[in-house]
PDB file of N, CA and C in Angstrom:
ATOM      1  N   UNK A   1      68.728 -20.176   1.017  1.00  0.00           N
ATOM      2  CA  UNK A   1      68.340 -21.500   0.575  1.00  0.00           C
ATOM      3  C   UNK A   1      69.470 -22.099  -0.273  1.00  0.00           C
ATOM      4  N   UNK A   2      69.838 -23.319   0.026  1.00  0.00           N
ATOM      5  CA  UNK A   2      70.914 -23.989  -0.701  1.00  0.00           C
ATOM      6  C   UNK A   2      70.381 -24.571  -1.999  1.00  0.00           C
ATOM      7  N   UNK A   3      71.178 -24.429  -3.042  1.00  0.00           N
ATOM      8  CA  UNK A   3      70.839 -24.969  -4.348  1.00  0.00           C
ATOM      9  C   UNK A   3      71.173 -26.465  -4.340  1.00  0.00           C
ATOM     10  N   UNK A   4      70.187 -27.334  -4.598  1.00  0.00           N
ATOM     11  CA  UNK A   4      70.452 -28.774  -4.542  1.00  0.00           C
ATOM     12  C   UNK A   4      71.461 -29.246  -5.587  1.00  0.00           C
ATOM     13  N   UNK A   5      71.510 -28.592  -6.732  1.00  0.00           N
ATOM     14  CA  UNK A   5      72.474 -28.995  -7.764  1.00  0.00           C
ATOM     15  C   UNK A   5      73.893 -28.659  -7.316  1.00  0.00           C
ATOM     16  N   UNK A   6      74.075 -27.472  -6.747  1.00  0.00           N
ATOM     17  CA  UNK A   6      75.395 -27.076  -6.244  1.00  0.00           C
ATOM     18  C   UNK A   6      75.823 -28.032  -5.138  1.00  0.00           C
ATOM     19  N   UNK A   7      74.914 -28.377  -4.262  1.00  0.00           N
ATOM     20  CA  UNK A   7      75.234 -29.299  -3.168  1.00  0.00           C
ATOM     21  C   UNK A   7      75.619 -30.672  -3.706  1.00  0.00           C
ATOM     22  N   UNK A   8      74.941 -31.129  -4.746  1.00  0.00           N
ATOM     23  CA  UNK A   8      75.265 -32.424  -5.342  1.00  0.00           C
ATOM     24  C   UNK A   8      76.663 -32.405  -5.962  1.00  0.00           C
ATOM     25  N   UNK A   9      77.008 -31.324  -6.646  1.00  0.00           N
ATOM     26  CA  UNK A   9      78.336 -31.194  -7.251  1.00  0.00           C
ATOM     27  C   UNK A   9      79.402 -31.163  -6.164  1.00  0.00           C
ATOM     28  N   UNK A  10      79.163 -30.406  -5.104  1.00  0.00           N
ATOM     29  CA  UNK A  10      80.135 -30.334  -4.000  1.00  0.00           C
ATOM     30  C   UNK A  10      80.326 -31.689  -3.346  1.00  0.00           C
ATOM     31  N   UNK A  11      79.246 -32.442  -3.187  1.00  0.00           N
ATOM     32  CA  UNK A  11      79.325 -33.776  -2.584  1.00  0.00           C
ATOM     33  C   UNK A  11      80.160 -34.705  -3.465  1.00  0.00           C
ATOM     34  N   UNK A  12      79.935 -34.652  -4.783  1.00  0.00           N
ATOM     35  CA  UNK A  12      80.692 -35.499  -5.711  1.00  0.00           C
ATOM     36  C   UNK A  12      82.162 -35.103  -5.724  1.00  0.00           C
ATOM     37  N   UNK A  13      82.421 -33.791  -5.713  1.00  0.00           N
ATOM     38  CA  UNK A  13      83.811 -33.304  -5.717  1.00  0.00           C
ATOM     39  C   UNK A  13      84.535 -33.757  -4.452  1.00  0.00           C
ATOM     40  N   UNK A  14      83.866 -33.661  -3.320  1.00  0.00           N
ATOM     41  CA  UNK A  14      84.495 -34.071  -2.057  1.00  0.00           C
ATOM     42  C   UNK A  14      84.754 -35.582  -2.040  1.00  0.00           C
ATOM     43  N   UNK A  15      83.799 -36.359  -2.529  1.00  0.00           N
ATOM     44  CA  UNK A  15      83.971 -37.821  -2.560  1.00  0.00           C
ATOM     45  C   UNK A  15      85.157 -38.188  -3.457  1.00  0.00           C
ATOM     46  N   UNK A  16      85.287 -37.505  -4.588  1.00  0.00           N
ATOM     47  CA  UNK A  16      86.415 -37.757  -5.493  1.00  0.00           C
ATOM     48  C   UNK A  16      87.732 -37.429  -4.797  1.00  0.00           C
ATOM     49  N   UNK A  17      87.788 -36.286  -4.126  1.00  0.00           N
ATOM     50  CA  UNK A  17      89.002 -35.874  -3.420  1.00  0.00           C
ATOM     51  C   UNK A  17      89.329 -36.851  -2.288  1.00  0.00           C
ATOM     52  N   UNK A  18      88.317 -37.308  -1.573  1.00  0.00           N
ATOM     53  CA  UNK A  18      88.545 -38.265  -0.480  1.00  0.00           C
ATOM     54  C   UNK A  18      89.132 -39.572  -1.006  1.00  0.00           C
ATOM     55  N   UNK A  19      88.620 -40.050  -2.158  1.00  0.00           N
ATOM     56  CA  UNK A  19      89.141 -41.303  -2.740  1.00  0.00           C
ATOM     57  C   UNK A  19      90.626 -41.193  -3.048  1.00  0.00           C
ATOM     58  N   UNK A  20      91.090 -39.972  -3.317  1.00  0.00           N
ATOM     59  CA  UNK A  20      92.492 -39.763  -3.674  1.00  0.00           C
ATOM     60  C   UNK A  20      93.265 -39.089  -2.545  1.00  0.00           C
ATOM     61  N   UNK A  21      92.760 -39.199  -1.328  1.00  0.00           N
ATOM     62  CA  UNK A  21      93.408 -38.674  -0.122  1.00  0.00           C
ATOM     63  C   UNK A  21      93.743 -37.176  -0.226  1.00  0.00           C
ATOM     64  N   UNK A  22      92.874 -36.441  -0.913  1.00  0.00           N
ATOM     65  CA  UNK A  22      93.020 -34.985  -1.058  1.00  0.00           C
ATOM     66  C   UNK A  22      94.371 -34.589  -1.663  1.00  0.00           C
ATOM     67  N   UNK A  23      94.963 -35.506  -2.435  1.00  0.00           N
ATOM     68  CA  UNK A  23      96.240 -35.256  -3.106  1.00  0.00           C
ATOM     69  C   UNK A  23      95.946 -34.534  -4.413  1.00  0.00           C
ATOM     70  N   UNK A  24      96.276 -33.240  -4.486  1.00  0.00           N
ATOM     71  CA  UNK A  24      95.944 -32.431  -5.646  1.00  0.00           C
ATOM     72  C   UNK A  24      96.555 -32.984  -6.926  1.00  0.00           C
ATOM     73  N   UNK A  25      97.788 -33.464  -6.854  1.00  0.00           N
ATOM     74  CA  UNK A  25      98.435 -34.040  -8.039  1.00  0.00           C
ATOM     75  C   UNK A  25      97.644 -35.254  -8.524  1.00  0.00           C
ATOM     76  N   UNK A  26      97.260 -36.116  -7.620  1.00  0.00           N
ATOM     77  CA  UNK A  26      96.510 -37.320  -7.987  1.00  0.00           C
ATOM     78  C   UNK A  26      95.132 -36.956  -8.540  1.00  0.00           C
ATOM     79  N   UNK A  27      94.494 -35.943  -7.968  1.00  0.00           N
ATOM     80  CA  UNK A  27      93.179 -35.506  -8.451  1.00  0.00           C
ATOM     81  C   UNK A  27      93.296 -35.005  -9.884  1.00  0.00           C
ATOM     82  N   UNK A  28      94.298 -34.173 -10.160  1.00  0.00           N
ATOM     83  CA  UNK A  28      94.492 -33.640 -11.516  1.00  0.00           C
ATOM     84  C   UNK A  28      94.798 -34.757 -12.508  1.00  0.00           C
ATOM     85  N   UNK A  29      95.663 -35.679 -12.131  1.00  0.00           N
ATOM     86  CA  UNK A  29      95.989 -36.796 -13.019  1.00  0.00           C
ATOM     87  C   UNK A  29      94.752 -37.637 -13.311  1.00  0.00           C
ATOM     88  N   UNK A  30      93.936 -37.884 -12.298  1.00  0.00           N
ATOM     89  CA  UNK A  30      92.722 -38.672 -12.483  1.00  0.00           C
ATOM     90  C   UNK A  30      91.750 -37.953 -13.419  1.00  0.00           C
ATOM     91  N   UNK A  31      91.608 -36.644 -13.264  1.00  0.00           N
ATOM     92  CA  UNK A  31      90.711 -35.880 -14.129  1.00  0.00           C
ATOM     93  C   UNK A  31      91.223 -35.849 -15.566  1.00  0.00           C
ATOM     94  N   UNK A  32      92.533 -35.744 -15.753  1.00  0.00           N
ATOM     95  CA  UNK A  32      93.106 -35.770 -17.099  1.00  0.00           C
ATOM     96  C   UNK A  32      92.843 -37.121 -17.764  1.00  0.00           C
ATOM     97  N   UNK A  33      92.983 -38.205 -16.986  1.00  0.00           N
ATOM     98  CA  UNK A  33      92.737 -39.543 -17.521  1.00  0.00           C
ATOM     99  C   UNK A  33      91.266 -39.686 -17.930  1.00  0.00           C
ATOM    100  N   UNK A  34      90.358 -39.199 -17.082  1.00  0.00           N
ATOM    101  CA  UNK A  34      88.934 -39.259 -17.409  1.00  0.00           C
ATOM    102  C   UNK A  34      88.615 -38.414 -18.632  1.00  0.00           C
ATOM    103  N   UNK A  35      89.276 -37.271 -18.747  1.00  0.00           N
ATOM    104  CA  UNK A  35      89.069 -36.379 -19.884  1.00  0.00           C
ATOM    105  C   UNK A  35      89.428 -37.078 -21.195  1.00  0.00           C
ATOM    106  N   UNK A  36      90.513 -37.842 -21.194  1.00  0.00           N
ATOM    107  CA  UNK A  36      90.971 -38.531 -22.408  1.00  0.00           C
ATOM    108  C   UNK A  36      90.054 -39.685 -22.800  1.00  0.00           C
ATOM    109  N   UNK A  37      89.400 -40.305 -21.827  1.00  0.00           N
ATOM    110  CA  UNK A  37      88.601 -41.493 -22.108  1.00  0.00           C
ATOM    111  C   UNK A  37      87.095 -41.240 -22.129  1.00  0.00           C
ATOM    112  N   UNK A  38      86.659 -40.004 -21.907  1.00  0.00           N
ATOM    113  CA  UNK A  38      85.222 -39.736 -21.789  1.00  0.00           C
ATOM    114  C   UNK A  38      84.493 -39.766 -23.132  1.00  0.00           C
ATOM    115  N   UNK A  39      85.224 -39.530 -24.236  1.00  0.00           N
ATOM    116  CA  UNK A  39      84.590 -39.556 -25.541  1.00  0.00           C
ATOM    117  C   UNK A  39      84.082 -38.209 -26.017  1.00  0.00           C
ATOM    118  N   UNK A  40      84.129 -37.198 -25.170  1.00  0.00           N
ATOM    119  CA  UNK A  40      83.707 -35.857 -25.559  1.00  0.00           C
ATOM    120  C   UNK A  40      84.894 -35.102 -26.144  1.00  0.00           C
ATOM    121  N   UNK A  41      84.638 -34.225 -27.122  1.00  0.00           N
ATOM    122  CA  UNK A  41      85.751 -33.434 -27.653  1.00  0.00           C
ATOM    123  C   UNK A  41      86.272 -32.463 -26.592  1.00  0.00           C
ATOM    124  N   UNK A  42      87.582 -32.337 -26.525  1.00  0.00           N
ATOM    125  CA  UNK A  42      88.218 -31.436 -25.568  1.00  0.00           C
ATOM    126  C   UNK A  42      88.913 -30.343 -26.370  1.00  0.00           C
ATOM    127  N   UNK A  43      88.645 -29.108 -26.020  1.00  0.00           N
ATOM    128  CA  UNK A  43      89.210 -27.973 -26.738  1.00  0.00           C
ATOM    129  C   UNK A  43      90.313 -27.352 -25.898  1.00  0.00           C
ATOM    130  N   UNK A  44      91.472 -27.154 -26.505  1.00  0.00           N
ATOM    131  CA  UNK A  44      92.579 -26.464 -25.843  1.00  0.00           C
ATOM    132  C   UNK A  44      92.822 -25.165 -26.601  1.00  0.00           C
ATOM    133  N   UNK A  45      92.710 -24.069 -25.919  1.00  0.00           N
ATOM    134  CA  UNK A  45      92.913 -22.766 -26.532  1.00  0.00           C
ATOM    135  C   UNK A  45      94.311 -22.254 -26.225  1.00  0.00           C
ATOM    136  N   UNK A  46      94.892 -21.496 -27.153  1.00  0.00           N
ATOM    137  CA  UNK A  46      96.210 -20.922 -26.877  1.00  0.00           C
ATOM    138  C   UNK A  46      96.089 -19.860 -25.779  1.00  0.00           C
ATOM    139  N   UNK A  47      97.166 -19.618 -25.039  1.00  0.00           N
ATOM    140  CA  UNK A  47      97.100 -18.596 -23.983  1.00  0.00           C
ATOM    141  C   UNK A  47      96.872 -17.217 -24.592  1.00  0.00           C
ATOM    142  N   UNK A  48      96.132 -16.404 -23.868  1.00  0.00           N
ATOM    143  CA  UNK A  48      95.890 -15.038 -24.328  1.00  0.00           C
ATOM    144  C   UNK A  48      97.086 -14.172 -23.958  1.00  0.00           C
ATOM    145  N   UNK A  49      97.413 -13.195 -24.802  1.00  0.00           N
ATOM    146  CA  UNK A  49      98.545 -12.333 -24.487  1.00  0.00           C
ATOM    147  C   UNK A  49      98.251 -11.461 -23.259  1.00  0.00           C
ATOM    148  N   UNK A  50      99.292 -11.187 -22.511  1.00  0.00           N
ATOM    149  CA  UNK A  50      99.159 -10.336 -21.328  1.00  0.00           C
ATOM    150  C   UNK A  50      99.216  -8.888 -21.798  1.00  0.00           C
ATOM    151  N   UNK A  51      98.224  -8.110 -21.398  1.00  0.00           N
ATOM    152  CA  UNK A  51      98.183  -6.711 -21.771  1.00  0.00           C
ATOM    153  C   UNK A  51      98.841  -5.876 -20.677  1.00  0.00           C
ATOM    154  N   UNK A  52      99.568  -4.884 -21.086  1.00  0.00           N
ATOM    155  CA  UNK A  52     100.199  -3.999 -20.106  1.00  0.00           C
ATOM    156  C   UNK A  52      99.142  -3.157 -19.412  1.00  0.00           C
ATOM    157  N   UNK A  53      99.308  -2.938 -18.137  1.00  0.00           N
ATOM    158  CA  UNK A  53      98.379  -2.119 -17.373  1.00  0.00           C
ATOM    159  C   UNK A  53      98.518  -0.657 -17.786  1.00  0.00           C
ATOM    160  N   UNK A  54      97.439   0.075 -17.712  1.00  0.00           N
ATOM    161  CA  UNK A  54      97.452   1.487 -18.050  1.00  0.00           C
ATOM    162  C   UNK A  54      98.290   2.241 -17.036  1.00  0.00           C
ATOM    163  N   UNK A  55      99.186   3.102 -17.504  1.00  0.00           N
ATOM    164  CA  UNK A  55     100.029   3.885 -16.601  1.00  0.00           C
ATOM    165  C   UNK A  55     101.306   3.194 -16.216  1.00  0.00           C
ATOM    166  N   UNK A  56     101.596   2.041 -16.826  1.00  0.00           N
ATOM    167  CA  UNK A  56     102.839   1.321 -16.488  1.00  0.00           C
ATOM    168  C   UNK A  56     103.979   1.784 -17.327  1.00  0.00           C
TER     169      UNK A  56
END
């Protein structure tokens, strides 16, 4: 059984990508612009350190 919420999100994501001709750069730029103007706080975390694998 398909989850209607997941289907709605996929439909919105596809419509957004179609509006921007599936151009990944344009999609990212558009999302960054929306992020800056949405009014919600945006949290940026520092990168986590890379741990060495065991036995390396």
